[in-house]
Amino acid sequence: MNNKNMFVDTISAINVNNGIVKMNLVAQSSEQPITDDNNPPKFDDLGQITMPLNGFLYMLSVIEGLMKDDKMKDMIQRFQAAGIIPTEQEIKKAQDK
């Protein structure tokens, strides 16, 4: 088994088919400056996580518990206030477009 640690910036896609979940892992391209505000970020494909649906659903329950933690709520609020991550209202506004 490959126990390799990997840093990813985000997941670009999640696909579910026949009880198998595939998540595409990406990192911001090293060819694009971090301060490039005029263009959307470019990402490099780092690979894929493939797991059974029951494992994915368990992972979601772990994340849900983490999101209820007071320290995590405080960190999210601070990141939102600093403009690092969007607020729920900003997400909803973008989805309604």
C-alpha atoms as a PDB file:
ATOM      1  CA  MET A   1       0.000   0.000   0.000  1.00  0.00           C
ATOM      2  CA  ASN A   2       1.214   3.475  -0.863  1.00  0.00           C
ATOM      3  CA  ASN A   3       1.121   5.655   2.282  1.00  0.00           C
ATOM      4  CA  LYS A   4       2.183   8.846   0.532  1.00  0.00           C
ATOM      5  CA  ASN A   5       1.299  12.220   2.065  1.00  0.00           C
ATOM      6  CA  MET A   6       0.093  14.758  -0.462  1.00  0.00           C
ATOM      7  CA  PHE A   7      -0.879  18.430  -0.243  1.00  0.00           C
ATOM      8  CA  VAL A   8      -3.861  19.467  -2.360  1.00  0.00           C
ATOM      9  CA  ASP A   9      -5.550  22.842  -2.646  1.00  0.00           C
ATOM     10  CA  THR A  10      -9.006  21.467  -3.365  1.00  0.00           C
ATOM     11  CA  ILE A  11     -11.103  18.818  -5.041  1.00  0.00           C
ATOM     12  CA  SER A  12     -12.104  19.769  -8.582  1.00  0.00           C
ATOM     13  CA  ALA A  13     -14.816  17.161  -9.090  1.00  0.00           C
ATOM     14  CA  ILE A  14     -16.675  14.386  -7.317  1.00  0.00           C
ATOM     15  CA  ASN A  15     -18.313  11.632  -9.340  1.00  0.00           C
ATOM     16  CA  VAL A  16     -20.507   8.823  -8.014  1.00  0.00           C
ATOM     17  CA  ASN A  17     -21.228   5.772 -10.145  1.00  0.00           C
ATOM     18  CA  ASN A  18     -22.400   2.318  -9.068  1.00  0.00           C
ATOM     19  CA  GLY A  19     -21.521   2.904  -5.407  1.00  0.00           C
ATOM     20  CA  ILE A  20     -17.986   4.150  -6.145  1.00  0.00           C
ATOM     21  CA  VAL A  21     -16.964   7.747  -5.421  1.00  0.00           C
ATOM     22  CA  LYS A  22     -14.088   9.370  -7.293  1.00  0.00           C
ATOM     23  CA  MET A  23     -12.646  12.706  -6.170  1.00  0.00           C
ATOM     24  CA  ASN A  24     -10.187  14.589  -8.384  1.00  0.00           C
ATOM     25  CA  LEU A  25      -7.397  16.272  -6.403  1.00  0.00           C
ATOM     26  CA  VAL A  26      -5.816  19.504  -7.656  1.00  0.00           C
ATOM     27  CA  ALA A  27      -3.286  22.137  -6.615  1.00  0.00           C
ATOM     28  CA  GLN A  28      -2.860  25.671  -7.866  1.00  0.00           C
ATOM     29  CA  SER A  29      -0.512  25.644 -10.830  1.00  0.00           C
ATOM     30  CA  SER A  30       3.027  26.716 -10.071  1.00  0.00           C
ATOM     31  CA  GLU A  31       3.024  28.455 -13.468  1.00  0.00           C
ATOM     32  CA  GLN A  32       0.474  31.037 -12.288  1.00  0.00           C
ATOM     33  CA  PRO A  33       1.430  33.716  -9.765  1.00  0.00           C
ATOM     34  CA  ILE A  34      -0.586  33.548  -6.554  1.00  0.00           C
ATOM     35  CA  THR A  35      -1.281  37.294  -6.798  1.00  0.00           C
ATOM     36  CA  ASP A  36      -2.829  37.052 -10.284  1.00  0.00           C
ATOM     37  CA  ASP A  37      -6.296  38.473  -9.465  1.00  0.00           C
ATOM     38  CA  ASN A  38      -7.297  39.161 -13.056  1.00  0.00           C
ATOM     39  CA  ASN A  39      -7.498  35.539 -14.185  1.00  0.00           C
ATOM     40  CA  PRO A  40      -9.233  32.541 -12.669  1.00  0.00           C
ATOM     41  CA  PRO A  41      -6.841  30.165 -10.936  1.00  0.00           C
ATOM     42  CA  LYS A  42      -5.211  27.394 -12.963  1.00  0.00           C
ATOM     43  CA  PHE A  43      -4.922  23.991 -11.348  1.00  0.00           C
ATOM     44  CA  ASP A  44      -2.679  20.985 -11.868  1.00  0.00           C
ATOM     45  CA  ASP A  45      -4.228  17.522 -11.629  1.00  0.00           C
ATOM     46  CA  LEU A  46      -2.628  15.588  -8.767  1.00  0.00           C
ATOM     47  CA  GLY A  47      -4.574  12.354  -8.960  1.00  0.00           C
ATOM     48  CA  GLN A  48      -7.761  10.802  -7.738  1.00  0.00           C
ATOM     49  CA  ILE A  49      -9.183   9.265  -4.580  1.00  0.00           C
ATOM     50  CA  THR A  50     -11.488   6.322  -5.250  1.00  0.00           C
ATOM     51  CA  MET A  51     -13.589   4.957  -2.398  1.00  0.00           C
ATOM     52  CA  PRO A  52     -16.819   3.080  -1.745  1.00  0.00           C
ATOM     53  CA  LEU A  53     -19.953   5.160  -1.183  1.00  0.00           C
ATOM     54  CA  ASN A  54     -20.298   4.018   2.445  1.00  0.00           C
ATOM     55  CA  GLY A  55     -16.743   5.258   3.179  1.00  0.00           C
ATOM     56  CA  PHE A  56     -17.506   8.588   1.508  1.00  0.00           C
ATOM     57  CA  LEU A  57     -20.710   8.996   3.540  1.00  0.00           C
ATOM     58  CA  TYR A  58     -18.823   8.227   6.738  1.00  0.00           C
ATOM     59  CA  MET A  59     -16.229  10.863   5.758  1.00  0.00           C
ATOM     60  CA  LEU A  60     -19.048  13.389   5.327  1.00  0.00           C
ATOM     61  CA  SER A  61     -20.344  12.621   8.833  1.00  0.00           C
ATOM     62  CA  VAL A  62     -16.831  13.221  10.227  1.00  0.00           C
ATOM     63  CA  ILE A  63     -16.647  16.559   8.385  1.00  0.00           C
ATOM     64  CA  GLU A  64     -20.137  17.492   9.600  1.00  0.00           C
ATOM     65  CA  GLY A  65     -19.001  16.913  13.190  1.00  0.00           C
ATOM     66  CA  LEU A  66     -15.909  19.028  12.589  1.00  0.00           C
ATOM     67  CA  MET A  67     -18.050  21.878  11.213  1.00  0.00           C
ATOM     68  CA  LYS A  68     -20.040  21.927  14.480  1.00  0.00           C
ATOM     69  CA  ASP A  69     -16.894  22.392  16.578  1.00  0.00           C
ATOM     70  CA  ASP A  70     -16.682  25.866  18.136  1.00  0.00           C
ATOM     71  CA  LYS A  71     -12.988  26.288  17.196  1.00  0.00           C
ATOM     72  CA  MET A  72     -13.751  25.459  13.559  1.00  0.00           C
ATOM     73  CA  LYS A  73     -16.750  27.846  13.520  1.00  0.00           C
ATOM     74  CA  ASP A  74     -14.532  30.622  14.885  1.00  0.00           C
ATOM     75  CA  MET A  75     -11.814  29.938  12.295  1.00  0.00           C
ATOM     76  CA  ILE A  76     -14.369  29.979   9.459  1.00  0.00           C
ATOM     77  CA  GLN A  77     -15.798  33.289  10.677  1.00  0.00           C
ATOM     78  CA  ARG A  78     -12.312  34.821  10.841  1.00  0.00           C
ATOM     79  CA  PHE A  79     -11.481  33.588   7.329  1.00  0.00           C
ATOM     80  CA  GLN A  80     -14.775  34.983   6.023  1.00  0.00           C
ATOM     81  CA  ALA A  81     -14.163  38.357   7.695  1.00  0.00           C
ATOM     82  CA  ALA A  82     -10.726  38.481   6.089  1.00  0.00           C
ATOM     83  CA  GLY A  83     -12.194  37.638   2.669  1.00  0.00           C
ATOM     84  CA  ILE A  84     -10.220  34.391   2.395  1.00  0.00           C
ATOM     85  CA  ILE A  85     -13.325  32.230   2.003  1.00  0.00           C
ATOM     86  CA  PRO A  86     -16.830  33.277   0.923  1.00  0.00           C
ATOM     87  CA  THR A  87     -19.733  33.714   3.309  1.00  0.00           C
ATOM     88  CA  GLU A  88     -22.887  31.611   2.952  1.00  0.00           C
ATOM     89  CA  GLN A  89     -24.646  34.653   1.460  1.00  0.00           C
ATOM     90  CA  GLU A  90     -21.911  35.075  -1.172  1.00  0.00           C
ATOM     91  CA  ILE A  91     -22.139  31.388  -2.078  1.00  0.00           C
ATOM     92  CA  LYS A  92     -25.930  31.566  -2.397  1.00  0.00           C
ATOM     93  CA  LYS A  93     -25.687  34.734  -4.521  1.00  0.00           C
ATOM     94  CA  ALA A  94     -23.207  33.020  -6.867  1.00  0.00           C
ATOM     95  CA  GLN A  95     -25.426  29.936  -7.122  1.00  0.00           C
ATOM     96  CA  ASP A  96     -28.475  32.047  -8.009  1.00  0.00           C
ATOM     97  CA  LYS A  97     -26.722  33.599 -11.021  1.00  0.00           C
END
